[in-house]
Amino acid sequence: MLSKAFRLSKDRDFKKVFKSSKPFYCGNLILRYSNSPKSIINNQKPRIGFIVSNKIDKRATKRNELKRKMRSVVFLLLPKIKQGYDIIFTVSRNFQYPYQYFEIEKEMINILKKADLLYD
């Protein structure tokens, strides 16, 4: 499980990332990232947020299930993600239900590589 220290939770943090970033598109996901304001002071771990809108699925249980699977993928990728960034994953199109972990993992790895946020 992804601990709260690695999560973006405040609205102002989301707004800062949206204001100071450009989107990266890959399949069903959109990624935005910016330098974390605290990363200059200390070597901060990446903070990650997830957005799954009502347009993806009206049922909160399905949206939450998708976010839980995305968090579990990020939890395993944390050692490979570059430090000092605030990252937001937005689901632009729905994954096929039932959500396949490996499909989500493949897309998240691809978009992180595209944004050059993974260590080699």
N, C-alpha and C. Protein backbone atom coordinates (compact mmCIF):
# COMPACT_ATOMS: atom_id res chain seq x y z
N MET A 1 0.84 -1.18 0.00
CA MET A 1 0.00 0.00 0.00
C MET A 1 0.89 1.25 0.00
N LEU A 2 0.49 2.22 -0.73
CA LEU A 2 1.22 3.48 -0.85
C LEU A 2 0.93 4.34 0.37
N SER A 3 1.96 4.65 1.16
CA SER A 3 1.75 5.42 2.39
C SER A 3 1.41 6.87 2.06
N LYS A 4 0.85 7.56 3.04
CA LYS A 4 0.40 8.93 2.83
C LYS A 4 1.54 9.89 2.55
N ALA A 5 2.75 9.55 2.95
CA ALA A 5 3.90 10.41 2.68
C ALA A 5 4.19 10.51 1.19
N PHE A 6 3.75 9.53 0.42
CA PHE A 6 3.99 9.50 -1.02
C PHE A 6 2.79 9.98 -1.83
N ARG A 7 1.75 10.47 -1.16
CA ARG A 7 0.52 10.87 -1.87
C ARG A 7 0.36 12.38 -1.94
N LEU A 8 -0.17 12.84 -3.06
CA LEU A 8 -0.63 14.22 -3.17
C LEU A 8 -2.06 14.22 -2.67
N SER A 9 -2.39 15.06 -1.72
CA SER A 9 -3.74 15.03 -1.19
C SER A 9 -4.41 16.39 -1.17
N LYS A 10 -3.65 17.45 -1.08
CA LYS A 10 -4.24 18.78 -0.98
C LYS A 10 -4.54 19.35 -2.35
N ASP A 11 -5.64 20.08 -2.43
CA ASP A 11 -6.07 20.67 -3.69
C ASP A 11 -5.03 21.65 -4.23
N ARG A 12 -4.39 22.40 -3.33
CA ARG A 12 -3.39 23.36 -3.80
C ARG A 12 -2.19 22.68 -4.44
N ASP A 13 -1.84 21.47 -3.97
CA ASP A 13 -0.74 20.72 -4.59
C ASP A 13 -1.11 20.27 -6.00
N PHE A 14 -2.34 19.81 -6.17
CA PHE A 14 -2.81 19.41 -7.50
C PHE A 14 -2.80 20.61 -8.44
N LYS A 15 -3.26 21.75 -7.95
CA LYS A 15 -3.30 22.96 -8.79
C LYS A 15 -1.91 23.41 -9.21
N LYS A 16 -0.93 23.30 -8.31
CA LYS A 16 0.45 23.67 -8.65
C LYS A 16 0.99 22.80 -9.76
N VAL A 17 0.71 21.51 -9.69
CA VAL A 17 1.20 20.60 -10.72
C VAL A 17 0.52 20.90 -12.06
N PHE A 18 -0.79 21.13 -12.04
CA PHE A 18 -1.50 21.43 -13.28
C PHE A 18 -1.03 22.75 -13.89
N LYS A 19 -0.70 23.71 -13.03
CA LYS A 19 -0.29 25.02 -13.51
C LYS A 19 1.10 25.00 -14.13
N SER A 20 1.99 24.19 -13.60
CA SER A 20 3.39 24.25 -14.01
C SER A 20 3.86 23.01 -14.78
N SER A 21 2.96 22.36 -15.51
CA SER A 21 3.38 21.15 -16.22
C SER A 21 2.70 21.04 -17.57
N LYS A 22 3.25 20.15 -18.38
CA LYS A 22 2.60 19.82 -19.64
C LYS A 22 2.23 18.34 -19.59
N PRO A 23 1.17 17.95 -20.28
CA PRO A 23 0.72 16.57 -20.18
C PRO A 23 1.50 15.62 -21.08
N PHE A 24 1.61 14.38 -20.63
CA PHE A 24 2.14 13.28 -21.42
C PHE A 24 1.00 12.27 -21.58
N TYR A 25 0.75 11.84 -22.81
CA TYR A 25 -0.36 10.95 -23.10
C TYR A 25 0.15 9.56 -23.46
N CYS A 26 -0.55 8.55 -22.99
CA CYS A 26 -0.19 7.17 -23.33
C CYS A 26 -1.41 6.29 -23.08
N GLY A 27 -2.05 5.84 -24.13
CA GLY A 27 -3.20 4.94 -23.99
C GLY A 27 -4.32 5.54 -23.18
N ASN A 28 -4.58 4.95 -22.02
CA ASN A 28 -5.69 5.38 -21.17
C ASN A 28 -5.28 6.39 -20.11
N LEU A 29 -4.01 6.78 -20.08
CA LEU A 29 -3.51 7.63 -19.00
C LEU A 29 -2.95 8.95 -19.50
N ILE A 30 -3.02 9.95 -18.63
CA ILE A 30 -2.36 11.23 -18.83
C ILE A 30 -1.49 11.45 -17.59
N LEU A 31 -0.24 11.85 -17.80
CA LEU A 31 0.67 12.10 -16.70
C LEU A 31 1.09 13.56 -16.72
N ARG A 32 1.09 14.18 -15.56
CA ARG A 32 1.61 15.53 -15.39
C ARG A 32 2.56 15.49 -14.20
N TYR A 33 3.65 16.24 -14.28
CA TYR A 33 4.58 16.28 -13.16
C TYR A 33 5.25 17.64 -13.08
N SER A 34 5.71 17.96 -11.88
CA SER A 34 6.49 19.18 -11.65
C SER A 34 7.44 18.92 -10.50
N ASN A 35 8.43 19.79 -10.35
CA ASN A 35 9.34 19.68 -9.22
C ASN A 35 8.59 19.96 -7.95
N SER A 36 8.85 19.16 -6.95
CA SER A 36 8.23 19.37 -5.65
C SER A 36 8.86 20.59 -4.99
N PRO A 37 8.08 21.48 -4.37
CA PRO A 37 8.66 22.67 -3.75
C PRO A 37 9.62 22.34 -2.61
N LYS A 38 9.45 21.22 -1.95
CA LYS A 38 10.32 20.86 -0.84
C LYS A 38 11.56 20.10 -1.29
N SER A 39 11.63 19.75 -2.56
CA SER A 39 12.74 18.92 -3.04
C SER A 39 14.06 19.67 -3.02
N ILE A 40 14.00 20.99 -3.08
CA ILE A 40 15.23 21.78 -3.05
C ILE A 40 15.86 21.72 -1.66
N ILE A 41 15.03 21.74 -0.63
CA ILE A 41 15.52 21.75 0.74
C ILE A 41 16.12 20.39 1.12
N ASN A 42 15.39 19.33 0.83
CA ASN A 42 15.89 18.00 1.16
C ASN A 42 15.56 17.04 0.03
N ASN A 43 16.16 15.92 0.06
CA ASN A 43 15.97 14.92 -0.99
C ASN A 43 14.63 14.22 -0.76
N GLN A 44 13.57 14.81 -1.27
CA GLN A 44 12.23 14.33 -0.98
C GLN A 44 11.82 13.23 -1.93
N LYS A 45 11.08 12.29 -1.40
CA LYS A 45 10.50 11.21 -2.19
C LYS A 45 9.42 11.78 -3.11
N PRO A 46 9.12 11.11 -4.20
CA PRO A 46 8.07 11.61 -5.08
C PRO A 46 6.71 11.52 -4.40
N ARG A 47 5.86 12.51 -4.68
CA ARG A 47 4.48 12.48 -4.21
C ARG A 47 3.59 12.27 -5.42
N ILE A 48 2.61 11.38 -5.29
CA ILE A 48 1.84 10.95 -6.45
C ILE A 48 0.36 11.07 -6.15
N GLY A 49 -0.39 11.60 -7.14
CA GLY A 49 -1.84 11.73 -7.03
C GLY A 49 -2.51 11.01 -8.19
N PHE A 50 -3.75 10.64 -7.97
CA PHE A 50 -4.53 9.90 -8.97
C PHE A 50 -5.87 10.58 -9.17
N ILE A 51 -6.29 10.70 -10.43
CA ILE A 51 -7.59 11.29 -10.74
C ILE A 51 -8.34 10.32 -11.63
N VAL A 52 -9.52 9.91 -11.16
CA VAL A 52 -10.43 9.09 -11.96
C VAL A 52 -11.78 9.77 -11.87
N SER A 53 -12.23 10.37 -12.95
CA SER A 53 -13.45 11.17 -12.91
C SER A 53 -14.71 10.32 -13.03
N ASN A 54 -15.84 10.97 -12.80
CA ASN A 54 -17.14 10.31 -12.94
C ASN A 54 -17.41 9.89 -14.38
N LYS A 55 -16.75 10.51 -15.33
CA LYS A 55 -16.96 10.14 -16.74
C LYS A 55 -16.42 8.74 -17.03
N ILE A 56 -15.44 8.31 -16.25
CA ILE A 56 -14.87 6.98 -16.44
C ILE A 56 -15.87 5.92 -15.99
N ASP A 57 -16.43 6.09 -14.80
CA ASP A 57 -17.46 5.20 -14.30
C ASP A 57 -18.24 5.94 -13.22
N LYS A 58 -19.53 5.81 -13.26
CA LYS A 58 -20.38 6.51 -12.29
C LYS A 58 -20.28 5.92 -10.89
N ARG A 59 -19.90 4.64 -10.80
CA ARG A 59 -19.88 3.96 -9.51
C ARG A 59 -18.54 4.21 -8.81
N ALA A 60 -18.62 4.70 -7.58
CA ALA A 60 -17.42 5.00 -6.80
C ALA A 60 -16.61 3.75 -6.53
N THR A 61 -17.25 2.61 -6.39
CA THR A 61 -16.52 1.38 -6.11
C THR A 61 -15.58 1.02 -7.27
N LYS A 62 -16.02 1.23 -8.49
CA LYS A 62 -15.17 0.93 -9.66
C LYS A 62 -14.02 1.93 -9.75
N ARG A 63 -14.31 3.21 -9.52
CA ARG A 63 -13.25 4.22 -9.57
C ARG A 63 -12.21 3.97 -8.48
N ASN A 64 -12.67 3.63 -7.28
CA ASN A 64 -11.75 3.37 -6.18
C ASN A 64 -10.93 2.11 -6.42
N GLU A 65 -11.54 1.10 -7.03
CA GLU A 65 -10.79 -0.12 -7.35
C GLU A 65 -9.67 0.19 -8.33
N LEU A 66 -9.96 1.02 -9.32
CA LEU A 66 -8.94 1.40 -10.29
C LEU A 66 -7.81 2.19 -9.61
N LYS A 67 -8.15 3.10 -8.72
CA LYS A 67 -7.12 3.86 -8.00
C LYS A 67 -6.29 2.96 -7.09
N ARG A 68 -6.91 1.99 -6.45
CA ARG A 68 -6.17 1.06 -5.59
C ARG A 68 -5.15 0.27 -6.41
N LYS A 69 -5.55 -0.18 -7.59
CA LYS A 69 -4.62 -0.94 -8.43
C LYS A 69 -3.49 -0.04 -8.93
N MET A 70 -3.81 1.20 -9.24
CA MET A 70 -2.76 2.13 -9.69
C MET A 70 -1.79 2.41 -8.54
N ARG A 71 -2.29 2.56 -7.33
CA ARG A 71 -1.42 2.79 -6.17
C ARG A 71 -0.51 1.59 -5.92
N SER A 72 -1.04 0.39 -6.11
CA SER A 72 -0.20 -0.80 -5.88
C SER A 72 0.91 -0.90 -6.93
N VAL A 73 0.63 -0.48 -8.16
CA VAL A 73 1.67 -0.46 -9.19
C VAL A 73 2.75 0.55 -8.81
N VAL A 74 2.33 1.74 -8.39
CA VAL A 74 3.29 2.78 -8.01
C VAL A 74 4.11 2.35 -6.80
N PHE A 75 3.49 1.67 -5.86
CA PHE A 75 4.20 1.20 -4.68
C PHE A 75 5.39 0.32 -5.07
N LEU A 76 5.20 -0.56 -6.05
CA LEU A 76 6.28 -1.44 -6.49
C LEU A 76 7.31 -0.70 -7.34
N LEU A 77 6.89 0.40 -7.99
CA LEU A 77 7.80 1.16 -8.84
C LEU A 77 8.53 2.28 -8.08
N LEU A 78 8.19 2.54 -6.84
CA LEU A 78 8.78 3.66 -6.09
C LEU A 78 10.30 3.70 -6.11
N PRO A 79 11.00 2.58 -5.94
CA PRO A 79 12.47 2.67 -5.98
C PRO A 79 13.01 3.11 -7.34
N LYS A 80 12.24 2.94 -8.39
CA LYS A 80 12.69 3.29 -9.74
C LYS A 80 12.29 4.70 -10.16
N ILE A 81 11.36 5.33 -9.44
CA ILE A 81 10.87 6.66 -9.81
C ILE A 81 11.83 7.72 -9.28
N LYS A 82 12.16 8.68 -10.11
CA LYS A 82 13.09 9.75 -9.72
C LYS A 82 12.50 10.56 -8.57
N GLN A 83 13.38 11.03 -7.70
CA GLN A 83 12.94 11.74 -6.50
C GLN A 83 12.76 13.23 -6.76
N GLY A 84 11.93 13.85 -5.92
CA GLY A 84 11.75 15.30 -5.96
C GLY A 84 10.68 15.78 -6.90
N TYR A 85 9.76 14.92 -7.30
CA TYR A 85 8.70 15.32 -8.23
C TYR A 85 7.33 15.08 -7.62
N ASP A 86 6.39 15.94 -8.01
CA ASP A 86 4.97 15.71 -7.75
C ASP A 86 4.38 15.20 -9.06
N ILE A 87 3.73 14.06 -9.02
CA ILE A 87 3.24 13.40 -10.23
C ILE A 87 1.74 13.17 -10.09
N ILE A 88 1.01 13.43 -11.18
CA ILE A 88 -0.43 13.15 -11.21
C ILE A 88 -0.73 12.23 -12.38
N PHE A 89 -1.41 11.12 -12.09
CA PHE A 89 -1.92 10.22 -13.12
C PHE A 89 -3.41 10.48 -13.26
N THR A 90 -3.86 10.77 -14.48
CA THR A 90 -5.27 10.96 -14.75
C THR A 90 -5.72 9.87 -15.73
N VAL A 91 -6.82 9.21 -15.42
CA VAL A 91 -7.35 8.20 -16.32
C VAL A 91 -8.22 8.93 -17.33
N SER A 92 -7.84 8.87 -18.62
CA SER A 92 -8.59 9.58 -19.65
C SER A 92 -9.66 8.70 -20.29
N ARG A 93 -9.35 7.42 -20.43
CA ARG A 93 -10.32 6.44 -20.94
C ARG A 93 -10.30 5.24 -20.01
N ASN A 94 -11.42 4.61 -19.89
CA ASN A 94 -11.54 3.51 -18.94
C ASN A 94 -10.77 2.28 -19.43
N PHE A 95 -10.13 1.61 -18.49
CA PHE A 95 -9.53 0.31 -18.77
C PHE A 95 -10.66 -0.71 -18.85
N GLN A 96 -10.41 -1.80 -19.52
CA GLN A 96 -11.42 -2.87 -19.64
C GLN A 96 -11.69 -3.46 -18.26
N TYR A 97 -12.97 -3.56 -17.90
CA TYR A 97 -13.32 -4.15 -16.61
C TYR A 97 -13.52 -5.64 -16.79
N PRO A 98 -13.08 -6.51 -15.94
CA PRO A 98 -12.38 -6.28 -14.68
C PRO A 98 -10.96 -5.78 -14.94
N TYR A 99 -10.54 -4.85 -14.13
CA TYR A 99 -9.25 -4.18 -14.34
C TYR A 99 -8.10 -5.18 -14.18
N GLN A 100 -7.30 -5.29 -15.20
CA GLN A 100 -6.16 -6.20 -15.19
C GLN A 100 -4.92 -5.46 -14.67
N TYR A 101 -4.33 -5.99 -13.63
CA TYR A 101 -3.16 -5.36 -13.01
C TYR A 101 -2.04 -5.17 -14.02
N PHE A 102 -1.78 -6.18 -14.83
CA PHE A 102 -0.64 -6.12 -15.75
C PHE A 102 -0.86 -5.09 -16.87
N GLU A 103 -2.10 -4.90 -17.27
CA GLU A 103 -2.41 -3.88 -18.27
C GLU A 103 -2.16 -2.48 -17.70
N ILE A 104 -2.60 -2.26 -16.47
CA ILE A 104 -2.38 -0.97 -15.81
C ILE A 104 -0.89 -0.74 -15.59
N GLU A 105 -0.19 -1.77 -15.14
CA GLU A 105 1.25 -1.66 -14.90
C GLU A 105 2.01 -1.32 -16.18
N LYS A 106 1.66 -1.97 -17.28
CA LYS A 106 2.34 -1.73 -18.55
C LYS A 106 2.16 -0.29 -19.01
N GLU A 107 0.95 0.24 -18.91
CA GLU A 107 0.70 1.62 -19.33
C GLU A 107 1.40 2.63 -18.42
N MET A 108 1.41 2.35 -17.11
CA MET A 108 2.05 3.29 -16.19
C MET A 108 3.57 3.31 -16.40
N ILE A 109 4.16 2.16 -16.65
CA ILE A 109 5.60 2.11 -16.93
C ILE A 109 5.91 2.85 -18.22
N ASN A 110 5.08 2.64 -19.25
CA ASN A 110 5.30 3.31 -20.54
C ASN A 110 5.24 4.83 -20.40
N ILE A 111 4.26 5.32 -19.68
CA ILE A 111 4.10 6.78 -19.58
C ILE A 111 5.19 7.38 -18.68
N LEU A 112 5.64 6.65 -17.66
CA LEU A 112 6.75 7.15 -16.83
C LEU A 112 8.05 7.19 -17.64
N LYS A 113 8.26 6.21 -18.50
CA LYS A 113 9.44 6.22 -19.38
C LYS A 113 9.36 7.37 -20.37
N LYS A 114 8.18 7.60 -20.89
CA LYS A 114 7.98 8.68 -21.86
C LYS A 114 8.29 10.04 -21.23
N ALA A 115 7.93 10.21 -19.96
CA ALA A 115 8.19 11.46 -19.24
C ALA A 115 9.60 11.49 -18.64
N ASP A 116 10.35 10.43 -18.81
CA ASP A 116 11.72 10.31 -18.29
C ASP A 116 11.75 10.46 -16.76
N LEU A 117 10.86 9.76 -16.09
CA LEU A 117 10.79 9.80 -14.63
C LEU A 117 11.27 8.50 -13.98
N LEU A 118 11.71 7.54 -14.79
CA LEU A 118 12.23 6.29 -14.24
C LEU A 118 13.73 6.24 -14.36
N TYR A 119 14.37 5.70 -13.32
CA TYR A 119 15.79 5.44 -13.42
C TYR A 119 15.99 4.27 -14.38
N ASP A 120 17.10 4.24 -15.06
CA ASP A 120 17.36 3.15 -16.01
C ASP A 120 17.62 1.85 -15.35
